[in-house]
PDB file of all heavy atoms in Angstrom:
ATOM      1  N   THR A   1      -1.495  -6.024  10.633  1.00  0.00           N
ATOM      2  CA  THR A   1      -2.309  -5.990  11.841  1.00  0.00           C
ATOM      3  C   THR A   1      -3.393  -4.934  11.694  1.00  0.00           C
ATOM      4  O   THR A   1      -3.391  -4.152  10.736  1.00  0.00           O
ATOM      5  CB  THR A   1      -1.465  -5.619  13.082  1.00  0.00           C
ATOM      6  OG1 THR A   1      -1.122  -4.229  13.006  1.00  0.00           O
ATOM      7  CG2 THR A   1      -0.201  -6.449  13.179  1.00  0.00           C
ATOM      8  N   GLU A   2      -4.297  -4.888  12.653  1.00  0.00           N
ATOM      9  CA  GLU A   2      -5.331  -3.849  12.651  1.00  0.00           C
ATOM     10  C   GLU A   2      -4.753  -2.495  13.048  1.00  0.00           C
ATOM     11  O   GLU A   2      -5.436  -1.481  12.968  1.00  0.00           O
ATOM     12  CB  GLU A   2      -6.466  -4.227  13.612  1.00  0.00           C
ATOM     13  CG  GLU A   2      -6.025  -4.318  15.060  1.00  0.00           C
ATOM     14  CD  GLU A   2      -7.141  -4.759  15.983  1.00  0.00           C
ATOM     15  OE1 GLU A   2      -8.233  -4.170  15.918  1.00  0.00           O
ATOM     16  OE2 GLU A   2      -6.910  -5.712  16.752  1.00  0.00           O
ATOM     17  N   HIS A   3      -3.485  -2.449  13.434  1.00  0.00           N
ATOM     18  CA  HIS A   3      -2.853  -1.229  13.919  1.00  0.00           C
ATOM     19  C   HIS A   3      -2.024  -0.506  12.865  1.00  0.00           C
ATOM     20  O   HIS A   3      -1.288   0.427  13.206  1.00  0.00           O
ATOM     21  CB  HIS A   3      -1.969  -1.540  15.127  1.00  0.00           C
ATOM     22  CG  HIS A   3      -2.680  -2.289  16.212  1.00  0.00           C
ATOM     23  ND1 HIS A   3      -3.781  -1.790  16.857  1.00  0.00           N
ATOM     24  CD2 HIS A   3      -2.459  -3.510  16.742  1.00  0.00           C
ATOM     25  CE1 HIS A   3      -4.205  -2.666  17.750  1.00  0.00           C
ATOM     26  NE2 HIS A   3      -3.424  -3.717  17.692  1.00  0.00           N
ATOM     27  N   SER A   4      -2.099  -0.913  11.593  1.00  0.00           N
ATOM     28  CA  SER A   4      -1.298  -0.254  10.557  1.00  0.00           C
ATOM     29  C   SER A   4      -1.938  -0.400   9.181  1.00  0.00           C
ATOM     30  O   SER A   4      -2.702  -1.330   8.922  1.00  0.00           O
ATOM     31  CB  SER A   4       0.124  -0.832  10.548  1.00  0.00           C
ATOM     32  OG  SER A   4       0.120  -2.206  10.234  1.00  0.00           O
ATOM     33  N   TRP A   5      -1.579   0.561   8.303  1.00  0.00           N
ATOM     34  CA  TRP A   5      -2.094   0.642   6.941  1.00  0.00           C
ATOM     35  C   TRP A   5      -0.920   1.012   6.049  1.00  0.00           C
ATOM     36  O   TRP A   5      -0.108   1.863   6.407  1.00  0.00           O
ATOM     37  CB  TRP A   5      -3.149   1.730   6.828  1.00  0.00           C
ATOM     38  CG  TRP A   5      -4.335   1.543   7.719  1.00  0.00           C
ATOM     39  CD1 TRP A   5      -5.565   1.079   7.341  1.00  0.00           C
ATOM     40  CD2 TRP A   5      -4.447   1.809   9.118  1.00  0.00           C
ATOM     41  NE1 TRP A   5      -6.417   1.043   8.422  1.00  0.00           N
ATOM     42  CE2 TRP A   5      -5.755   1.489   9.531  1.00  0.00           C
ATOM     43  CE3 TRP A   5      -3.560   2.282  10.087  1.00  0.00           C
ATOM     44  CZ2 TRP A   5      -6.191   1.627  10.833  1.00  0.00           C
ATOM     45  CZ3 TRP A   5      -3.994   2.428  11.396  1.00  0.00           C
ATOM     46  CH2 TRP A   5      -5.304   2.100  11.760  1.00  0.00           C
ATOM     47  N   CYS A   6      -0.806   0.392   4.866  1.00  0.00           N
ATOM     48  CA  CYS A   6       0.339   0.720   4.006  1.00  0.00           C
ATOM     49  C   CYS A   6       0.089   0.348   2.553  1.00  0.00           C
ATOM     50  O   CYS A   6      -0.847  -0.387   2.226  1.00  0.00           O
ATOM     51  CB  CYS A   6       1.603   0.009   4.495  1.00  0.00           C
ATOM     52  SG  CYS A   6       1.639  -1.771   4.187  1.00  0.00           S
ATOM     53  N   VAL A   7       0.961   0.876   1.689  1.00  0.00           N
ATOM     54  CA  VAL A   7       1.132   0.345   0.338  1.00  0.00           C
ATOM     55  C   VAL A   7       2.525  -0.262   0.296  1.00  0.00           C
ATOM     56  O   VAL A   7       3.441   0.201   0.995  1.00  0.00           O
ATOM     57  CB  VAL A   7       0.943   1.406  -0.775  1.00  0.00           C
ATOM     58  CG1 VAL A   7      -0.491   1.877  -0.833  1.00  0.00           C
ATOM     59  CG2 VAL A   7       1.895   2.558  -0.634  1.00  0.00           C
ATOM     60  N   GLU A   8       2.656  -1.302  -0.508  1.00  0.00           N
ATOM     61  CA  GLU A   8       3.894  -2.082  -0.503  1.00  0.00           C
ATOM     62  C   GLU A   8       4.257  -2.492  -1.920  1.00  0.00           C
ATOM     63  O   GLU A   8       3.390  -2.862  -2.709  1.00  0.00           O
ATOM     64  CB  GLU A   8       3.669  -3.319   0.372  1.00  0.00           C
ATOM     65  CG  GLU A   8       4.809  -4.290   0.412  1.00  0.00           C
ATOM     66  CD  GLU A   8       4.486  -5.494   1.283  1.00  0.00           C
ATOM     67  OE1 GLU A   8       4.374  -5.323   2.507  1.00  0.00           O
ATOM     68  OE2 GLU A   8       4.310  -6.591   0.732  1.00  0.00           O
ATOM     69  N   TRP A   9       5.549  -2.430  -2.222  1.00  0.00           N
ATOM     70  CA  TRP A   9       6.084  -2.933  -3.489  1.00  0.00           C
ATOM     71  C   TRP A   9       7.081  -4.035  -3.161  1.00  0.00           C
ATOM     72  O   TRP A   9       7.991  -3.848  -2.351  1.00  0.00           O
ATOM     73  CB  TRP A   9       6.791  -1.820  -4.261  1.00  0.00           C
ATOM     74  CG  TRP A   9       7.522  -2.348  -5.462  1.00  0.00           C
ATOM     75  CD1 TRP A   9       8.843  -2.689  -5.542  1.00  0.00           C
ATOM     76  CD2 TRP A   9       6.964  -2.614  -6.742  1.00  0.00           C
ATOM     77  NE1 TRP A   9       9.132  -3.154  -6.798  1.00  0.00           N
ATOM     78  CE2 TRP A   9       7.999  -3.112  -7.564  1.00  0.00           C
ATOM     79  CE3 TRP A   9       5.686  -2.488  -7.288  1.00  0.00           C
ATOM     80  CZ2 TRP A   9       7.805  -3.475  -8.881  1.00  0.00           C
ATOM     81  CZ3 TRP A   9       5.484  -2.848  -8.607  1.00  0.00           C
ATOM     82  CH2 TRP A   9       6.538  -3.334  -9.395  1.00  0.00           C
ATOM     83  N   LEU A  10       6.880  -5.184  -3.787  1.00  0.00           N
ATOM     84  CA  LEU A  10       7.855  -6.267  -3.672  1.00  0.00           C
ATOM     85  C   LEU A  10       8.399  -6.565  -5.055  1.00  0.00           C
ATOM     86  O   LEU A  10       7.668  -7.028  -5.928  1.00  0.00           O
ATOM     87  CB  LEU A  10       7.230  -7.520  -3.061  1.00  0.00           C
ATOM     88  CG  LEU A  10       7.282  -7.578  -1.536  1.00  0.00           C
ATOM     89  CD1 LEU A  10       6.689  -8.864  -1.017  1.00  0.00           C
ATOM     90  CD2 LEU A  10       8.698  -7.422  -1.025  1.00  0.00           C
ATOM     91  N   GLY A  11       9.681  -6.261  -5.243  1.00  0.00           N
ATOM     92  CA  GLY A  11      10.309  -6.431  -6.543  1.00  0.00           C
ATOM     93  C   GLY A  11      10.272  -7.855  -7.058  1.00  0.00           C
ATOM     94  O   GLY A  11      10.125  -8.089  -8.242  1.00  0.00           O
ATOM     95  N   ALA A  12      10.402  -8.832  -6.142  1.00  0.00           N
ATOM     96  CA  ALA A  12      10.385 -10.237  -6.566  1.00  0.00           C
ATOM     97  C   ALA A  12       9.043 -10.581  -7.220  1.00  0.00           C
ATOM     98  O   ALA A  12       8.977 -11.321  -8.192  1.00  0.00           O
ATOM     99  CB  ALA A  12      10.642 -11.144  -5.369  1.00  0.00           C
ATOM    100  N   LYS A  13       7.967 -10.042  -6.673  1.00  0.00           N
ATOM    101  CA  LYS A  13       6.631 -10.290  -7.232  1.00  0.00           C
ATOM    102  C   LYS A  13       6.263  -9.276  -8.297  1.00  0.00           C
ATOM    103  O   LYS A  13       5.305  -9.470  -9.026  1.00  0.00           O
ATOM    104  CB  LYS A  13       5.581 -10.219  -6.114  1.00  0.00           C
ATOM    105  CG  LYS A  13       5.673 -11.316  -5.093  1.00  0.00           C
ATOM    106  CD  LYS A  13       4.528 -11.147  -4.100  1.00  0.00           C
ATOM    107  CE  LYS A  13       4.507 -12.243  -3.078  1.00  0.00           C
ATOM    108  NZ  LYS A  13       3.402 -12.054  -2.122  1.00  0.00           N
ATOM    109  N   LYS A  14       7.004  -8.174  -8.369  1.00  0.00           N
ATOM    110  CA  LYS A  14       6.731  -7.089  -9.317  1.00  0.00           C
ATOM    111  C   LYS A  14       5.278  -6.625  -9.207  1.00  0.00           C
ATOM    112  O   LYS A  14       4.562  -6.527 -10.196  1.00  0.00           O
ATOM    113  CB  LYS A  14       7.035  -7.518 -10.757  1.00  0.00           C
ATOM    114  CG  LYS A  14       8.453  -7.958 -10.979  1.00  0.00           C
ATOM    115  CD  LYS A  14       9.341  -6.788 -11.331  1.00  0.00           C
ATOM    116  CE  LYS A  14      10.688  -7.208 -11.821  1.00  0.00           C
ATOM    117  NZ  LYS A  14      11.729  -7.259 -10.843  1.00  0.00           N
ATOM    118  N   GLN A  15       4.852  -6.360  -7.960  1.00  0.00           N
ATOM    119  CA  GLN A  15       3.476  -5.915  -7.788  1.00  0.00           C
ATOM    120  C   GLN A  15       3.351  -4.907  -6.660  1.00  0.00           C
ATOM    121  O   GLN A  15       4.121  -4.918  -5.709  1.00  0.00           O
ATOM    122  CB  GLN A  15       2.533  -7.084  -7.540  1.00  0.00           C
ATOM    123  CG  GLN A  15       2.739  -7.796  -6.221  1.00  0.00           C
ATOM    124  CD  GLN A  15       1.858  -9.028  -6.093  1.00  0.00           C
ATOM    125  OE1 GLN A  15       1.508  -9.658  -7.076  1.00  0.00           O
ATOM    126  NE2 GLN A  15       1.496  -9.376  -4.882  1.00  0.00           N
ATOM    127  N   LEU A  16       2.367  -4.042  -6.816  1.00  0.00           N
ATOM    128  CA  LEU A  16       2.044  -3.039  -5.814  1.00  0.00           C
ATOM    129  C   LEU A  16       0.760  -3.475  -5.121  1.00  0.00           C
ATOM    130  O   LEU A  16      -0.209  -3.861  -5.782  1.00  0.00           O
ATOM    131  CB  LEU A  16       1.848  -1.682  -6.494  1.00  0.00           C
ATOM    132  CG  LEU A  16       1.674  -0.479  -5.591  1.00  0.00           C
ATOM    133  CD1 LEU A  16       2.960  -0.191  -4.825  1.00  0.00           C
ATOM    134  CD2 LEU A  16       1.272   0.735  -6.406  1.00  0.00           C
ATOM    135  N   SER A  17       0.773  -3.420  -3.789  1.00  0.00           N
ATOM    136  CA  SER A  17      -0.377  -3.856  -3.006  1.00  0.00           C
ATOM    137  C   SER A  17      -0.652  -2.863  -1.894  1.00  0.00           C
ATOM    138  O   SER A  17       0.239  -2.153  -1.437  1.00  0.00           O
ATOM    139  CB  SER A  17      -0.120  -5.217  -2.359  1.00  0.00           C
ATOM    140  OG  SER A  17       0.174  -6.200  -3.308  1.00  0.00           O
ATOM    141  N   ALA A  18      -1.902  -2.862  -1.434  1.00  0.00           N
ATOM    142  CA  ALA A  18      -2.286  -2.141  -0.226  1.00  0.00           C
ATOM    143  C   ALA A  18      -2.578  -3.196   0.835  1.00  0.00           C
ATOM    144  O   ALA A  18      -3.142  -4.252   0.534  1.00  0.00           O
ATOM    145  CB  ALA A  18      -3.515  -1.283  -0.488  1.00  0.00           C
ATOM    146  N   TRP A  19      -2.200  -2.914   2.096  1.00  0.00           N
ATOM    147  CA  TRP A  19      -2.343  -3.887   3.169  1.00  0.00           C
ATOM    148  C   TRP A  19      -2.959  -3.265   4.414  1.00  0.00           C
ATOM    149  O   TRP A  19      -2.576  -2.164   4.816  1.00  0.00           O
ATOM    150  CB  TRP A  19      -0.986  -4.452   3.582  1.00  0.00           C
ATOM    151  CG  TRP A  19      -0.373  -5.412   2.617  1.00  0.00           C
ATOM    152  CD1 TRP A  19       0.428  -5.123   1.559  1.00  0.00           C
ATOM    153  CD2 TRP A  19      -0.479  -6.834   2.655  1.00  0.00           C
ATOM    154  NE1 TRP A  19       0.825  -6.272   0.936  1.00  0.00           N
ATOM    155  CE2 TRP A  19       0.284  -7.348   1.589  1.00  0.00           C
ATOM    156  CE3 TRP A  19      -1.150  -7.730   3.494  1.00  0.00           C
ATOM    157  CZ2 TRP A  19       0.401  -8.702   1.337  1.00  0.00           C
ATOM    158  CZ3 TRP A  19      -1.032  -9.084   3.233  1.00  0.00           C
ATOM    159  CH2 TRP A  19      -0.267  -9.557   2.167  1.00  0.00           C
ATOM    160  N   HIS A  20      -3.886  -3.988   5.026  1.00  0.00           N
ATOM    161  CA  HIS A  20      -4.419  -3.674   6.355  1.00  0.00           C
ATOM    162  C   HIS A  20      -5.045  -4.952   6.911  1.00  0.00           C
ATOM    163  O   HIS A  20      -5.696  -5.694   6.176  1.00  0.00           O
ATOM    164  CB  HIS A  20      -5.467  -2.560   6.283  1.00  0.00           C
ATOM    165  CG  HIS A  20      -6.140  -2.274   7.600  1.00  0.00           C
ATOM    166  ND1 HIS A  20      -5.429  -1.890   8.717  1.00  0.00           N
ATOM    167  CD2 HIS A  20      -7.435  -2.342   7.974  1.00  0.00           C
ATOM    168  CE1 HIS A  20      -6.288  -1.723   9.717  1.00  0.00           C
ATOM    169  NE2 HIS A  20      -7.497  -1.999   9.298  1.00  0.00           N
ATOM    170  N   LYS A  21      -4.822  -5.234   8.201  1.00  0.00           N
ATOM    171  CA  LYS A  21      -5.331  -6.441   8.862  1.00  0.00           C
ATOM    172  C   LYS A  21      -4.934  -7.713   8.127  1.00  0.00           C
ATOM    173  O   LYS A  21      -5.703  -8.663   8.029  1.00  0.00           O
ATOM    174  CB  LYS A  21      -6.854  -6.396   8.992  1.00  0.00           C
ATOM    175  CG  LYS A  21      -7.372  -5.411   9.990  1.00  0.00           C
ATOM    176  CD  LYS A  21      -8.876  -5.577  10.116  1.00  0.00           C
ATOM    177  CE  LYS A  21      -9.452  -4.651  11.144  1.00  0.00           C
ATOM    178  NZ  LYS A  21     -10.914  -4.796  11.220  1.00  0.00           N
ATOM    179  N   ASP A  22      -3.737  -7.713   7.545  1.00  0.00           N
ATOM    180  CA  ASP A  22      -3.214  -8.853   6.799  1.00  0.00           C
ATOM    181  C   ASP A  22      -4.040  -9.168   5.550  1.00  0.00           C
ATOM    182  O   ASP A  22      -3.999 -10.274   5.041  1.00  0.00           O
ATOM    183  CB  ASP A  22      -3.087 -10.092   7.701  1.00  0.00           C
ATOM    184  CG  ASP A  22      -1.971 -11.013   7.241  1.00  0.00           C
ATOM    185  OD1 ASP A  22      -1.055 -10.548   6.538  1.00  0.00           O
ATOM    186  OD2 ASP A  22      -2.021 -12.215   7.564  1.00  0.00           O
ATOM    187  N   GLN A  23      -4.792  -8.184   5.076  1.00  0.00           N
ATOM    188  CA  GLN A  23      -5.580  -8.324   3.847  1.00  0.00           C
ATOM    189  C   GLN A  23      -4.874  -7.566   2.728  1.00  0.00           C
ATOM    190  O   GLN A  23      -4.651  -6.358   2.846  1.00  0.00           O
ATOM    191  CB  GLN A  23      -6.990  -7.762   4.037  1.00  0.00           C
ATOM    192  CG  GLN A  23      -7.797  -8.472   5.101  1.00  0.00           C
ATOM    193  CD  GLN A  23      -8.258  -9.844   4.651  1.00  0.00           C
ATOM    194  OE1 GLN A  23      -8.716 -10.029   3.535  1.00  0.00           O
ATOM    195  NE2 GLN A  23      -8.125 -10.815   5.539  1.00  0.00           N
ATOM    196  N   GLU A  24      -4.539  -8.262   1.673  1.00  0.00           N
ATOM    197  CA  GLU A  24      -3.848  -7.649   0.539  1.00  0.00           C
ATOM    198  C   GLU A  24      -4.845  -7.257  -0.539  1.00  0.00           C
ATOM    199  O   GLU A  24      -5.720  -8.035  -0.913  1.00  0.00           O
ATOM    200  CB  GLU A  24      -2.828  -8.632  -0.048  1.00  0.00           C
ATOM    201  CG  GLU A  24      -2.059  -8.070  -1.223  1.00  0.00           C
ATOM    202  CD  GLU A  24      -1.063  -9.056  -1.797  1.00  0.00           C
ATOM    203  OE1 GLU A  24      -1.252 -10.281  -1.631  1.00  0.00           O
ATOM    204  OE2 GLU A  24      -0.088  -8.607  -2.419  1.00  0.00           O
ATOM    205  N   THR A  25      -4.682  -6.029  -1.049  1.00  0.00           N
ATOM    206  CA  THR A  25      -5.447  -5.548  -2.198  1.00  0.00           C
ATOM    207  C   THR A  25      -4.445  -5.243  -3.302  1.00  0.00           C
ATOM    208  O   THR A  25      -3.621  -4.330  -3.157  1.00  0.00           O
ATOM    209  CB  THR A  25      -6.241  -4.275  -1.851  1.00  0.00           C
ATOM    210  OG1 THR A  25      -7.107  -4.550  -0.760  1.00  0.00           O
ATOM    211  CG2 THR A  25      -7.052  -3.797  -3.051  1.00  0.00           C
ATOM    212  N   LEU A  26      -4.472  -6.015  -4.396  1.00  0.00           N
ATOM    213  CA  LEU A  26      -3.570  -5.752  -5.518  1.00  0.00           C
ATOM    214  C   LEU A  26      -4.004  -4.454  -6.190  1.00  0.00           C
ATOM    215  O   LEU A  26      -5.197  -4.245  -6.451  1.00  0.00           O
ATOM    216  CB  LEU A  26      -3.593  -6.902  -6.513  1.00  0.00           C
ATOM    217  CG  LEU A  26      -2.976  -8.206  -6.027  1.00  0.00           C
ATOM    218  CD1 LEU A  26      -3.120  -9.293  -7.080  1.00  0.00           C
ATOM    219  CD2 LEU A  26      -1.522  -8.014  -5.657  1.00  0.00           C
ATOM    220  N   LEU A  27      -3.033  -3.581  -6.500  1.00  0.00           N
ATOM    221  CA  LEU A  27      -3.368  -2.266  -7.047  1.00  0.00           C
ATOM    222  C   LEU A  27      -3.198  -2.170  -8.555  1.00  0.00           C
ATOM    223  O   LEU A  27      -3.647  -1.209  -9.156  1.00  0.00           O
ATOM    224  CB  LEU A  27      -2.537  -1.192  -6.340  1.00  0.00           C
ATOM    225  CG  LEU A  27      -2.781  -1.115  -4.827  1.00  0.00           C
ATOM    226  CD1 LEU A  27      -1.922  -0.027  -4.209  1.00  0.00           C
ATOM    227  CD2 LEU A  27      -4.256  -0.875  -4.517  1.00  0.00           C
ATOM    228  N   HIS A  28      -2.557  -3.125  -9.196  1.00  0.00           N
ATOM    229  CA  HIS A  28      -2.407  -3.151 -10.657  1.00  0.00           C
ATOM    230  C   HIS A  28      -1.897  -1.819 -11.195  1.00  0.00           C
ATOM    231  O   HIS A  28      -2.425  -1.276 -12.159  1.00  0.00           O
ATOM    232  CB  HIS A  28      -3.731  -3.542 -11.335  1.00  0.00           C
ATOM    233  CG  HIS A  28      -4.284  -4.827 -10.822  1.00  0.00           C
ATOM    234  ND1 HIS A  28      -3.703  -6.047 -11.095  1.00  0.00           N
ATOM    235  CD2 HIS A  28      -5.346  -5.089 -10.018  1.00  0.00           C
ATOM    236  CE1 HIS A  28      -4.391  -7.010 -10.489  1.00  0.00           C
ATOM    237  NE2 HIS A  28      -5.384  -6.450  -9.831  1.00  0.00           N
ATOM    238  N   LYS A  29      -0.856  -1.302 -10.546  1.00  0.00           N
ATOM    239  CA  LYS A  29      -0.211  -0.049 -10.954  1.00  0.00           C
ATOM    240  C   LYS A  29       1.282  -0.304 -11.083  1.00  0.00           C
ATOM    241  O   LYS A  29       1.829  -1.245 -10.508  1.00  0.00           O
ATOM    242  CB  LYS A  29      -0.425   1.050  -9.906  1.00  0.00           C
ATOM    243  CG  LYS A  29      -1.848   1.303  -9.514  1.00  0.00           C
ATOM    244  CD  LYS A  29      -2.495   2.296 -10.422  1.00  0.00           C
ATOM    245  CE  LYS A  29      -3.873   2.646  -9.877  1.00  0.00           C
ATOM    246  NZ  LYS A  29      -4.655   3.429 -10.736  1.00  0.00           N
ATOM    247  N   ASP A  30       1.953   0.561 -11.839  1.00  0.00           N
ATOM    248  CA  ASP A  30       3.405   0.474 -11.948  1.00  0.00           C
ATOM    249  C   ASP A  30       4.060   0.900 -10.643  1.00  0.00           C
ATOM    250  O   ASP A  30       3.444   1.575  -9.809  1.00  0.00           O
ATOM    251  CB  ASP A  30       3.905   1.378 -13.077  1.00  0.00           C
ATOM    252  CG  ASP A  30       3.473   0.873 -14.444  1.00  0.00           C
ATOM    253  OD1 ASP A  30       3.269  -0.352 -14.595  1.00  0.00           O
ATOM    254  OD2 ASP A  30       3.325   1.704 -15.355  1.00  0.00           O
ATOM    255  N   LYS A  31       5.310   0.529 -10.506  1.00  0.00           N
ATOM    256  CA  LYS A  31       6.067   0.910  -9.307  1.00  0.00           C
ATOM    257  C   LYS A  31       6.187   2.433  -9.238  1.00  0.00           C
ATOM    258  O   LYS A  31       6.676   3.060 -10.170  1.00  0.00           O
ATOM    259  CB  LYS A  31       7.460   0.283  -9.358  1.00  0.00           C
ATOM    260  CG  LYS A  31       8.328   0.665  -8.194  1.00  0.00           C
ATOM    261  CD  LYS A  31       9.728   0.104  -8.356  1.00  0.00           C
ATOM    262  CE  LYS A  31      10.627   0.581  -7.233  1.00  0.00           C
ATOM    263  NZ  LYS A  31      12.016   0.200  -7.468  1.00  0.00           N
ATOM    264  N   PRO A  32       5.755   3.035  -8.135  1.00  0.00           N
ATOM    265  CA  PRO A  32       5.898   4.484  -7.992  1.00  0.00           C
ATOM    266  C   PRO A  32       7.368   4.870  -7.760  1.00  0.00           C
ATOM    267  O   PRO A  32       8.107   4.152  -7.087  1.00  0.00           O
ATOM    268  CB  PRO A  32       5.079   4.819  -6.738  1.00  0.00           C
ATOM    269  CG  PRO A  32       4.332   3.584  -6.383  1.00  0.00           C
ATOM    270  CD  PRO A  32       5.029   2.438  -7.025  1.00  0.00           C
ATOM    271  N   LEU A  33       7.770   6.001  -8.311  1.00  0.00           N
ATOM    272  CA  LEU A  33       9.108   6.528  -8.054  1.00  0.00           C
ATOM    273  C   LEU A  33       9.147   7.260  -6.718  1.00  0.00           C
ATOM    274  O   LEU A  33      10.179   7.359  -6.075  1.00  0.00           O
ATOM    275  CB  LEU A  33       9.528   7.479  -9.173  1.00  0.00           C
ATOM    276  CG  LEU A  33       9.542   6.874 -10.579  1.00  0.00           C
ATOM    277  CD1 LEU A  33       9.943   7.913 -11.598  1.00  0.00           C
ATOM    278  CD2 LEU A  33      10.456   5.658 -10.625  1.00  0.00           C
ATOM    279  N   LYS A  34       7.972   7.768  -6.339  1.00  0.00           N
ATOM    280  CA  LYS A  34       7.819   8.474  -5.075  1.00  0.00           C
ATOM    281  C   LYS A  34       6.390   8.237  -4.609  1.00  0.00           C
ATOM    282  O   LYS A  34       5.463   8.247  -5.414  1.00  0.00           O
ATOM    283  CB  LYS A  34       8.062   9.971  -5.292  1.00  0.00           C
ATOM    284  CG  LYS A  34       8.139  10.790  -4.031  1.00  0.00           C
ATOM    285  CD  LYS A  34       8.221  12.288  -4.319  1.00  0.00           C
ATOM    286  CE  LYS A  34       9.427  12.660  -5.131  1.00  0.00           C
ATOM    287  NZ  LYS A  34       9.515  14.141  -5.302  1.00  0.00           N
ATOM    288  N   VAL A  35       6.212   8.002  -3.307  1.00  0.00           N
ATOM    289  CA  VAL A  35       4.881   7.781  -2.740  1.00  0.00           C
ATOM    290  C   VAL A  35       4.530   8.964  -1.846  1.00  0.00           C
ATOM    291  O   VAL A  35       5.305   9.333  -0.962  1.00  0.00           O
ATOM    292  CB  VAL A  35       4.824   6.470  -1.924  1.00  0.00           C
ATOM    293  CG1 VAL A  35       3.484   6.326  -1.213  1.00  0.00           C
ATOM    294  CG2 VAL A  35       5.079   5.274  -2.832  1.00  0.00           C
ATOM    295  N   GLY A  36       3.366   9.556  -2.107  1.00  0.00           N
ATOM    296  CA  GLY A  36       2.833  10.603  -1.251  1.00  0.00           C
ATOM    297  C   GLY A  36       1.791  10.001  -0.321  1.00  0.00           C
ATOM    298  O   GLY A  36       0.984   9.168  -0.747  1.00  0.00           O
ATOM    299  N   VAL A  37       1.814  10.403   0.932  1.00  0.00           N
ATOM    300  CA  VAL A  37       0.864   9.914   1.935  1.00  0.00           C
ATOM    301  C   VAL A  37       0.086  11.116   2.460  1.00  0.00           C
ATOM    302  O   VAL A  37       0.688  12.089   2.922  1.00  0.00           O
ATOM    303  CB  VAL A  37       1.579   9.209   3.104  1.00  0.00           C
ATOM    304  CG1 VAL A  37       0.568   8.647   4.094  1.00  0.00           C
ATOM    305  CG2 VAL A  37       2.511   8.117   2.594  1.00  0.00           C
ATOM    306  N   PHE A  38      -1.252  11.053   2.361  1.00  0.00           N
ATOM    307  CA  PHE A  38      -2.105  12.140   2.828  1.00  0.00           C
ATOM    308  C   PHE A  38      -3.011  11.593   3.927  1.00  0.00           C
ATOM    309  O   PHE A  38      -3.891  10.772   3.668  1.00  0.00           O
ATOM    310  CB  PHE A  38      -2.927  12.712   1.672  1.00  0.00           C
ATOM    311  CG  PHE A  38      -3.718  13.934   2.033  1.00  0.00           C
ATOM    312  CD1 PHE A  38      -3.171  14.956   2.793  1.00  0.00           C
ATOM    313  CD2 PHE A  38      -5.013  14.067   1.591  1.00  0.00           C
ATOM    314  CE1 PHE A  38      -3.901  16.093   3.111  1.00  0.00           C
ATOM    315  CE2 PHE A  38      -5.761  15.197   1.905  1.00  0.00           C
ATOM    316  CZ  PHE A  38      -5.200  16.216   2.662  1.00  0.00           C
ATOM    317  N   LEU A  39      -2.762  12.029   5.146  1.00  0.00           N
ATOM    318  CA  LEU A  39      -3.492  11.576   6.321  1.00  0.00           C
ATOM    319  C   LEU A  39      -4.500  12.657   6.723  1.00  0.00           C
ATOM    320  O   LEU A  39      -4.108  13.774   7.062  1.00  0.00           O
ATOM    321  CB  LEU A  39      -2.494  11.316   7.460  1.00  0.00           C
ATOM    322  CG  LEU A  39      -3.026  10.828   8.794  1.00  0.00           C
ATOM    323  CD1 LEU A  39      -3.750   9.494   8.655  1.00  0.00           C
ATOM    324  CD2 LEU A  39      -1.885  10.715   9.801  1.00  0.00           C
ATOM    325  N   GLU A  40      -5.789  12.336   6.624  1.00  0.00           N
ATOM    326  CA  GLU A  40      -6.858  13.277   6.989  1.00  0.00           C
ATOM    327  C   GLU A  40      -7.586  12.709   8.201  1.00  0.00           C
ATOM    328  O   GLU A  40      -8.473  11.870   8.071  1.00  0.00           O
ATOM    329  CB  GLU A  40      -7.833  13.453   5.835  1.00  0.00           C
ATOM    330  CG  GLU A  40      -7.247  14.141   4.625  1.00  0.00           C
ATOM    331  CD  GLU A  40      -8.275  14.296   3.519  1.00  0.00           C
ATOM    332  OE1 GLU A  40      -8.426  13.341   2.735  1.00  0.00           O
ATOM    333  OE2 GLU A  40      -8.924  15.353   3.470  1.00  0.00           O
ATOM    334  N   LEU A  41      -7.196  13.182   9.375  1.00  0.00           N
ATOM    335  CA  LEU A  41      -7.709  12.576  10.602  1.00  0.00           C
ATOM    336  C   LEU A  41      -9.164  12.918  10.880  1.00  0.00           C
ATOM    337  O   LEU A  41      -9.890  12.099  11.446  1.00  0.00           O
ATOM    338  CB  LEU A  41      -6.802  12.938  11.768  1.00  0.00           C
ATOM    339  CG  LEU A  41      -5.450  12.234  11.647  1.00  0.00           C
ATOM    340  CD1 LEU A  41      -4.391  12.908  12.470  1.00  0.00           C
ATOM    341  CD2 LEU A  41      -5.576  10.776  12.014  1.00  0.00           C
ATOM    342  N   GLN A  42      -9.637  14.083  10.470  1.00  0.00           N
ATOM    343  CA  GLN A  42     -11.042  14.415  10.681  1.00  0.00           C
ATOM    344  C   GLN A  42     -11.946  13.518   9.832  1.00  0.00           C
ATOM    345  O   GLN A  42     -12.986  13.057  10.279  1.00  0.00           O
ATOM    346  CB  GLN A  42     -11.307  15.888  10.363  1.00  0.00           C
ATOM    347  CG  GLN A  42     -12.720  16.325  10.720  1.00  0.00           C
ATOM    348  CD  GLN A  42     -12.900  17.829  10.586  1.00  0.00           C
ATOM    349  OE1 GLN A  42     -11.966  18.563  10.329  1.00  0.00           O
ATOM    350  NE2 GLN A  42     -14.131  18.267  10.757  1.00  0.00           N
ATOM    351  N   LYS A  43     -11.506  13.237   8.606  1.00  0.00           N
ATOM    352  CA  LYS A  43     -12.260  12.335   7.718  1.00  0.00           C
ATOM    353  C   LYS A  43     -11.978  10.869   8.029  1.00  0.00           C
ATOM    354  O   LYS A  43     -12.621   9.983   7.472  1.00  0.00           O
ATOM    355  CB  LYS A  43     -11.901  12.609   6.258  1.00  0.00           C
ATOM    356  CG  LYS A  43     -12.428  13.904   5.723  1.00  0.00           C
ATOM    357  CD  LYS A  43     -12.099  13.999   4.245  1.00  0.00           C
ATOM    358  CE  LYS A  43     -12.666  15.247   3.619  1.00  0.00           C
ATOM    359  NZ  LYS A  43     -12.350  15.327   2.178  1.00  0.00           N
TER     360      LYS A  43
END
């Protein structure tokens, strides 16, 4: 939805994607062992 932003890993597809507004962006990266999230509200 327009109300959320995320990165997602689906093991069945073996792919990492970024999602917002139901739009998928394939990231072509390996599965992260840990995900860091940096939220900069002023920017």
